[in-house]
């Protein structure tokens, strides 16, 4: 995961911790993003006959589930035309707009007004919607979904990875930083809540805005070599298994009148500006913008792909390591006929 993309997840985790503090104090100790806690409180309310507690938790969970639906639909529609990074940014923008609208209701209604209780319901349901949208969008950030609001799995995976003797040790900062972020954000916003309650809701709004800016920078830095659709990530070298060979079309029964025309393979190496190997994801796109296939190079940068037909294709090489001073993606056009094509690609600095 590129550093900046990882920083975005840390900031959004802090936003989830900050908004949970607001809903916890405002609405009978329920959470906008932490569904495990709400499920426990729901069971507690049912067991003790606290029906108001049950309704409170159902409001929070209903908002969150609705947000998951909205976020997934927004990302799905956006990825028909745009790369996943853009789709995530759009979903986060929808989340921000929703939080601003909820904040307007929260700040606009007086505590003594007739709609005071109604604004609390709007706060919890709206905040749950926003956190659901965020959670749905973050599923496209990493292979495991990179949760920014529910960290039980993060703690489990991180601590377990520290003592996995059957795998090479590899330290990662993202998980502990997200764990620290949610604690610090919750503690800090609790202080703000006690000092100036009306400002507490502004904290998660500002954090989501920072996350959107970071996502925009990620999208701009990685605009080259991207196609519409979901991301495909480099395999973990500790658990990498060979990619399955694509299944070819079923052979037709009966005699074949003519042999099929042979299509040349496309092979080569992906190199960095210094001439060294640059492991990368290699994507083949036809001239209409449709992704034809996608593979990962060998550790020495070698690739070998079989186009489905003759013609011109765009060969996109996206280095596994992105961001900072790492090489940027490179796209070239290759013409495929009956002969093999060998083309080394030097990714840009």
Protein backbone atom coordinates (compact mmCIF):
# COMPACT_ATOMS: atom_id res chain seq x y z
CA UNK A 1 0.00 0.00 0.00
CA UNK A 2 1.54 3.36 -0.98
CA UNK A 3 2.38 5.58 1.95
CA UNK A 4 -0.07 8.34 1.09
CA UNK A 5 -2.89 5.86 0.57
CA UNK A 6 -2.05 4.37 3.96
CA UNK A 7 -2.11 7.84 5.49
CA UNK A 8 -5.63 8.35 4.10
CA UNK A 9 -6.83 5.23 5.93
CA UNK A 10 -5.25 6.46 9.17
CA UNK A 11 -6.99 9.84 8.89
CA UNK A 12 -10.36 8.24 8.13
CA UNK A 13 -9.92 5.87 11.07
CA UNK A 14 -9.45 8.93 13.26
CA UNK A 15 -12.65 10.39 11.79
CA UNK A 16 -14.56 7.25 12.78
CA UNK A 17 -13.23 7.43 16.33
CA UNK A 18 -14.13 11.11 16.60
CA UNK A 19 -17.69 10.69 15.34
CA UNK A 20 -18.33 7.73 17.65
CA UNK A 21 -17.61 10.02 20.59
CA UNK A 22 -20.27 12.49 19.41
CA UNK A 23 -23.00 9.87 19.00
CA UNK A 24 -22.00 8.11 22.24
CA UNK A 25 -22.64 11.24 24.31
CA UNK A 26 -25.60 12.51 22.28
CA UNK A 27 -27.71 9.40 21.85
CA UNK A 28 -27.82 6.96 24.75
CA UNK A 29 -24.29 5.58 24.30
CA UNK A 30 -24.55 4.19 20.77
CA UNK A 31 -21.86 4.25 18.08
CA UNK A 32 -22.08 5.51 14.52
CA UNK A 33 -19.43 3.15 13.14
CA UNK A 34 -18.68 0.35 15.62
CA UNK A 35 -21.37 -2.22 14.95
CA UNK A 36 -19.92 -4.81 17.33
CA UNK A 37 -20.56 -2.50 20.26
CA UNK A 38 -24.05 -1.70 19.00
CA UNK A 39 -24.90 -5.39 18.61
CA UNK A 40 -23.82 -6.06 22.20
CA UNK A 41 -25.88 -3.11 23.44
CA UNK A 42 -28.83 -4.33 21.36
CA UNK A 43 -28.66 -7.73 23.02
CA UNK A 44 -28.28 -6.09 26.42
CA UNK A 45 -31.37 -3.95 25.80
CA UNK A 46 -33.39 -6.97 24.70
CA UNK A 47 -32.28 -8.98 27.72
CA UNK A 48 -33.08 -6.25 30.21
CA UNK A 49 -36.26 -5.06 28.52
CA UNK A 50 -34.78 -1.62 27.79
CA UNK A 51 -36.81 -0.98 24.65
CA UNK A 52 -35.58 2.57 24.16
CA UNK A 53 -32.04 1.21 24.10
CA UNK A 54 -33.13 -1.31 21.48
CA UNK A 55 -34.64 1.43 19.30
CA UNK A 56 -31.52 3.57 19.68
CA UNK A 57 -29.24 0.79 18.50
CA UNK A 58 -31.54 -0.16 15.64
CA UNK A 59 -31.40 3.46 14.44
CA UNK A 60 -27.61 3.43 14.47
CA UNK A 61 -27.33 0.05 12.75
CA UNK A 62 -30.00 0.92 10.21
CA UNK A 63 -28.13 4.07 9.26
CA UNK A 64 -24.85 2.19 8.94
CA UNK A 65 -26.34 -0.56 6.77
CA UNK A 66 -28.01 2.05 4.59
CA UNK A 67 -24.64 3.73 4.18
CA UNK A 68 -23.06 0.45 3.11
CA UNK A 69 -25.69 0.13 0.39
CA UNK A 70 -25.23 3.72 -0.78
CA UNK A 71 -21.43 3.55 -0.70
CA UNK A 72 -21.29 0.27 -2.61
CA UNK A 73 -23.69 1.55 -5.27
CA UNK A 74 -21.78 4.83 -5.66
CA UNK A 75 -18.45 3.03 -6.07
CA UNK A 76 -19.96 0.43 -8.40
CA UNK A 77 -21.51 3.01 -10.70
CA UNK A 78 -18.37 5.17 -10.68
CA UNK A 79 -16.09 2.24 -11.52
CA UNK A 80 -17.97 1.59 -14.73
CA UNK A 81 -16.22 4.66 -16.12
CA UNK A 82 -13.46 5.55 -13.69
CA UNK A 83 -10.53 3.88 -11.90
CA UNK A 84 -11.19 2.71 -8.36
CA UNK A 85 -9.22 5.58 -6.82
CA UNK A 86 -11.60 8.09 -8.36
CA UNK A 87 -14.59 6.02 -7.25
CA UNK A 88 -13.34 5.99 -3.65
CA UNK A 89 -12.85 9.76 -3.79
CA UNK A 90 -16.40 10.25 -5.07
CA UNK A 91 -17.84 8.09 -2.27
CA UNK A 92 -15.87 10.02 0.34
CA UNK A 93 -17.18 13.28 -1.13
CA UNK A 94 -20.73 11.96 -0.74
CA UNK A 95 -19.87 11.10 2.87
CA UNK A 96 -18.57 14.62 3.48
CA UNK A 97 -21.68 16.22 1.98
CA UNK A 98 -23.86 14.05 4.22
CA UNK A 99 -21.85 14.98 7.32
CA UNK A 100 -22.13 18.68 6.47
CA UNK A 101 -25.91 18.33 6.08
CA UNK A 102 -26.16 16.47 9.39
CA UNK A 103 -23.98 19.12 11.01
CA UNK A 104 -26.26 21.86 9.71
CA UNK A 105 -29.24 20.19 11.39
CA UNK A 106 -27.24 19.60 14.56
CA UNK A 107 -26.02 23.17 14.85
CA UNK A 108 -29.22 24.77 13.54
CA UNK A 109 -31.67 23.33 16.09
CA UNK A 110 -31.73 24.71 19.61
CA UNK A 111 -31.58 22.32 22.57
CA UNK A 112 -34.88 23.68 23.87
CA UNK A 113 -36.74 23.51 20.56
CA UNK A 114 -39.50 21.05 19.72
CA UNK A 115 -37.22 19.21 17.29
CA UNK A 116 -34.37 18.75 19.77
CA UNK A 117 -34.95 14.98 20.03
CA UNK A 118 -35.44 14.75 16.29
CA UNK A 119 -32.06 16.34 15.61
CA UNK A 120 -30.40 13.70 17.78
CA UNK A 121 -32.00 10.97 15.66
CA UNK A 122 -30.82 12.78 12.52
CA UNK A 123 -27.33 12.95 14.03
CA UNK A 124 -27.11 9.22 14.76
CA UNK A 125 -28.79 7.94 11.59
CA UNK A 126 -26.92 10.43 9.40
CA UNK A 127 -23.59 9.68 11.06
CA UNK A 128 -24.24 5.96 10.65
CA UNK A 129 -25.00 6.53 6.96
CA UNK A 130 -21.74 8.45 6.56
CA UNK A 131 -19.67 5.78 8.30
CA UNK A 132 -21.34 3.07 6.21
CA UNK A 133 -20.42 4.93 3.01
CA UNK A 134 -16.85 5.27 4.25
CA UNK A 135 -16.62 1.59 5.15
CA UNK A 136 -17.97 0.56 1.74
CA UNK A 137 -15.47 2.80 -0.05
CA UNK A 138 -12.53 1.55 2.02
CA UNK A 139 -13.18 -2.01 0.86
CA UNK A 140 -11.47 -0.98 -2.38
CA UNK A 141 -8.32 0.34 -0.70
CA UNK A 142 -6.73 -3.00 0.19
CA UNK A 143 -7.12 -6.76 -0.15
CA UNK A 144 -8.57 -7.17 3.36
CA UNK A 145 -10.85 -4.18 3.12
CA UNK A 146 -8.59 -1.96 5.25
CA UNK A 147 -11.28 -1.24 7.84
CA UNK A 148 -11.28 2.26 9.27
CA UNK A 149 -14.10 1.86 11.77
CA UNK A 150 -14.05 -1.71 13.10
CA UNK A 151 -10.57 -2.71 14.22
CA UNK A 152 -11.03 -6.11 15.87
CA UNK A 153 -9.81 -7.79 12.69
CA UNK A 154 -6.97 -5.28 12.38
CA UNK A 155 -5.76 -6.03 15.91
CA UNK A 156 -6.12 -9.77 15.29
CA UNK A 157 -4.21 -9.77 12.01
CA UNK A 158 -1.48 -7.41 13.18
CA UNK A 159 -0.71 -9.14 16.48
CA UNK A 160 -0.87 -12.59 14.88
CA UNK A 161 1.48 -11.52 12.08
CA UNK A 162 4.11 -10.57 14.66
CA UNK A 163 4.45 -14.16 15.85
CA UNK A 164 3.80 -16.18 12.67
CA UNK A 165 6.86 -18.41 12.66
CA UNK A 166 5.97 -20.10 9.37
CA UNK A 167 6.19 -16.82 7.41
CA UNK A 168 9.04 -14.32 6.99
CA UNK A 169 8.63 -11.42 9.38
CA UNK A 170 7.55 -8.17 7.75
CA UNK A 171 6.76 -5.10 9.82
CA UNK A 172 3.96 -2.81 8.70
CA UNK A 173 3.09 0.57 10.17
CA UNK A 174 -0.44 0.97 8.86
CA UNK A 175 -2.25 -1.30 11.33
CA UNK A 176 -0.66 0.07 14.53
CA UNK A 177 -1.11 3.63 13.27
CA UNK A 178 -4.83 3.04 12.66
CA UNK A 179 -5.19 1.53 16.13
CA UNK A 180 -3.41 4.52 17.64
CA UNK A 181 -5.41 6.97 15.51
CA UNK A 182 -8.81 5.78 16.68
CA UNK A 183 -7.72 5.95 20.34
CA UNK A 184 -6.16 9.41 20.04
CA UNK A 185 -9.07 10.80 18.01
CA UNK A 186 -11.65 9.45 20.44
CA UNK A 187 -9.75 10.79 23.43
CA UNK A 188 -9.15 14.16 21.82
CA UNK A 189 -12.74 14.60 20.74
CA UNK A 190 -13.94 13.59 24.20
CA UNK A 191 -11.95 16.56 25.52
CA UNK A 192 -13.54 18.80 22.87
CA UNK A 193 -16.98 17.40 23.77
CA UNK A 194 -16.48 18.34 27.41
CA UNK A 195 -15.07 21.77 26.58
CA UNK A 196 -17.32 22.85 23.70
CA UNK A 197 -19.91 20.21 22.66
CA UNK A 198 -21.00 22.08 19.53
CA UNK A 199 -17.48 21.86 18.09
CA UNK A 200 -17.13 18.10 18.59
CA UNK A 201 -19.01 17.28 15.38
CA UNK A 202 -16.69 19.54 13.37
CA UNK A 203 -13.68 17.33 14.16
CA UNK A 204 -14.77 14.27 12.10
CA UNK A 205 -15.96 16.56 9.29
CA UNK A 206 -12.50 18.15 9.05
CA UNK A 207 -10.80 14.75 9.20
CA UNK A 208 -12.93 13.40 6.35
CA UNK A 209 -12.08 16.53 4.35
CA UNK A 210 -8.37 15.85 4.91
CA UNK A 211 -8.93 12.26 3.78
CA UNK A 212 -10.58 13.46 0.56
CA UNK A 213 -7.67 15.80 -0.18
CA UNK A 214 -5.24 12.93 0.39
CA UNK A 215 -7.25 10.67 -1.90
CA UNK A 216 -7.22 13.37 -4.58
CA UNK A 217 -3.43 13.52 -4.38
CA UNK A 218 -3.24 9.72 -4.65
CA UNK A 219 -5.48 9.79 -7.72
CA UNK A 220 -3.45 12.53 -9.38
CA UNK A 221 -0.12 10.85 -8.66
CA UNK A 222 -1.28 7.51 -10.08
CA UNK A 223 -3.40 8.65 -13.03
CA UNK A 224 -1.21 6.94 -15.61
CA UNK A 225 -1.80 3.32 -16.51
CA UNK A 226 -5.18 3.01 -14.86
CA UNK A 227 -8.34 1.58 -16.36
CA UNK A 228 -11.92 1.60 -15.16
CA UNK A 229 -12.86 -1.00 -12.59
CA UNK A 230 -11.77 -2.49 -9.30
CA UNK A 231 -8.14 -2.62 -8.15
CA UNK A 232 -5.90 -5.66 -8.44
CA UNK A 233 -3.12 -5.78 -5.88
CA UNK A 234 0.32 -7.31 -5.97
CA UNK A 235 0.37 -10.72 -4.26
CA UNK A 236 1.91 -11.05 -0.82
CA UNK A 237 5.34 -12.63 -1.47
CA UNK A 238 5.01 -14.62 1.76
CA UNK A 239 1.92 -16.41 0.49
CA UNK A 240 2.20 -15.99 -3.26
CA UNK A 241 0.94 -18.84 -5.37
CA UNK A 242 1.17 -19.07 -9.15
CA UNK A 243 -1.72 -17.51 -11.00
CA UNK A 244 -4.10 -20.05 -12.45
CA UNK A 245 -3.91 -20.35 -16.19
CA UNK A 246 -6.94 -18.76 -17.83
CA UNK A 247 -9.42 -21.23 -19.08
CA UNK A 248 -9.63 -21.24 -22.84
CA UNK A 249 -12.84 -21.64 -24.79
CA UNK A 250 -14.27 -25.12 -24.92
CA UNK A 251 -13.18 -27.09 -27.95
CA UNK A 252 -15.86 -27.54 -30.53
CA UNK A 253 -17.07 -31.07 -31.06
CA UNK A 254 -16.58 -32.74 -34.43
CA UNK A 255 -13.92 -32.14 -37.08
CA UNK A 256 -12.35 -28.75 -37.48
CA UNK A 257 -12.34 -27.52 -41.05
CA UNK A 258 -9.41 -25.10 -40.72
CA UNK A 259 -6.74 -24.57 -38.10
CA UNK A 260 -7.21 -21.45 -36.00
CA UNK A 261 -4.90 -18.58 -36.83
CA UNK A 262 -2.01 -18.49 -34.38
CA UNK A 263 -1.67 -15.35 -32.28
CA UNK A 264 1.78 -14.19 -31.24
CA UNK A 265 2.59 -13.81 -27.55
CA UNK A 266 3.74 -10.55 -25.99
CA UNK A 267 6.72 -10.81 -23.66
CA UNK A 268 9.49 -8.69 -22.22
CA UNK A 269 10.70 -7.14 -18.98
CA UNK A 270 9.60 -4.18 -16.87
CA UNK A 271 12.64 -2.09 -15.94
CA UNK A 272 13.24 0.94 -13.76
CA UNK A 273 15.01 4.04 -15.13
CA UNK A 274 18.35 2.58 -14.00
CA UNK A 275 17.86 -0.62 -15.97
CA UNK A 276 17.06 -2.81 -12.96
CA UNK A 277 14.06 -5.10 -12.67
CA UNK A 278 10.82 -3.45 -11.55
CA UNK A 279 8.16 -6.03 -10.53
CA UNK A 280 4.83 -4.76 -11.76
CA UNK A 281 1.25 -5.53 -12.70
CA UNK A 282 0.94 -5.83 -16.48
CA UNK A 283 -2.45 -4.96 -17.97
CA UNK A 284 -3.47 -5.45 -21.59
CA UNK A 285 -6.24 -3.12 -22.80
CA UNK A 286 -7.84 -3.14 -26.24
CA UNK A 287 -8.23 0.04 -28.28
CA UNK A 288 -11.79 0.48 -27.02
CA UNK A 289 -10.58 0.75 -23.42
CA UNK A 290 -11.63 -2.73 -22.28
CA UNK A 291 -9.26 -4.64 -20.00
CA UNK A 292 -8.32 -7.90 -21.75
CA UNK A 293 -6.05 -9.49 -19.15
CA UNK A 294 -3.87 -8.65 -16.18
CA UNK A 295 -0.87 -10.54 -14.78
CA UNK A 296 2.01 -9.89 -12.40
CA UNK A 297 5.62 -10.05 -13.55
CA UNK A 298 8.22 -12.42 -12.19
CA UNK A 299 10.55 -10.97 -9.53
CA UNK A 300 13.06 -10.18 -12.31
CA UNK A 301 10.43 -8.12 -14.14
CA UNK A 302 9.70 -10.66 -16.88
CA UNK A 303 6.19 -11.06 -18.30
CA UNK A 304 4.64 -13.25 -20.99
CA UNK A 305 1.01 -12.81 -22.03
CA UNK A 306 -1.19 -14.25 -24.74
CA UNK A 307 -3.56 -11.73 -26.39
CA UNK A 308 -6.94 -13.20 -27.35
CA UNK A 309 -6.71 -11.94 -30.94
CA UNK A 310 -4.56 -10.02 -33.38
CA UNK A 311 -4.64 -6.24 -33.38
CA UNK A 312 -3.35 -3.26 -31.44
CA UNK A 313 -3.36 -3.22 -27.65
CA UNK A 314 -2.24 -0.85 -24.90
CA UNK A 315 0.28 -2.52 -22.58
CA UNK A 316 0.18 -0.86 -19.15
CA UNK A 317 2.90 -1.59 -16.59
CA UNK A 318 2.10 -0.46 -13.03
CA UNK A 319 4.97 -0.97 -10.53
CA UNK A 320 4.09 -2.77 -7.31
CA UNK A 321 5.79 -0.02 -5.33
CA UNK A 322 4.08 3.33 -5.90
CA UNK A 323 4.41 6.82 -4.49
CA UNK A 324 7.40 8.84 -3.33
CA UNK A 325 10.45 8.33 -5.55
CA UNK A 326 9.22 5.01 -6.88
CA UNK A 327 8.73 4.52 -10.61
CA UNK A 328 5.44 5.60 -12.16
CA UNK A 329 3.26 3.54 -14.50
CA UNK A 330 4.03 3.40 -18.22
CA UNK A 331 1.76 2.59 -21.14
CA UNK A 332 2.85 1.56 -24.65
CA UNK A 333 0.96 0.42 -27.75
CA UNK A 334 1.86 -2.99 -29.20
CA UNK A 335 0.70 -4.48 -32.50
CA UNK A 336 0.00 -8.21 -32.34
CA UNK A 337 -0.18 -10.54 -35.35
CA UNK A 338 0.98 -14.10 -35.89
CA UNK A 339 4.51 -13.43 -34.68
CA UNK A 340 5.74 -13.11 -31.07
CA UNK A 341 6.27 -9.56 -29.82
CA UNK A 342 9.12 -8.77 -27.43
CA UNK A 343 9.00 -5.36 -25.78
CA UNK A 344 10.83 -4.19 -22.66
CA UNK A 345 9.07 -1.36 -20.81
CA UNK A 346 10.97 1.23 -18.78
CA UNK A 347 8.64 2.72 -16.20
CA UNK A 348 8.99 6.47 -15.67
CA UNK A 349 10.75 8.06 -12.77
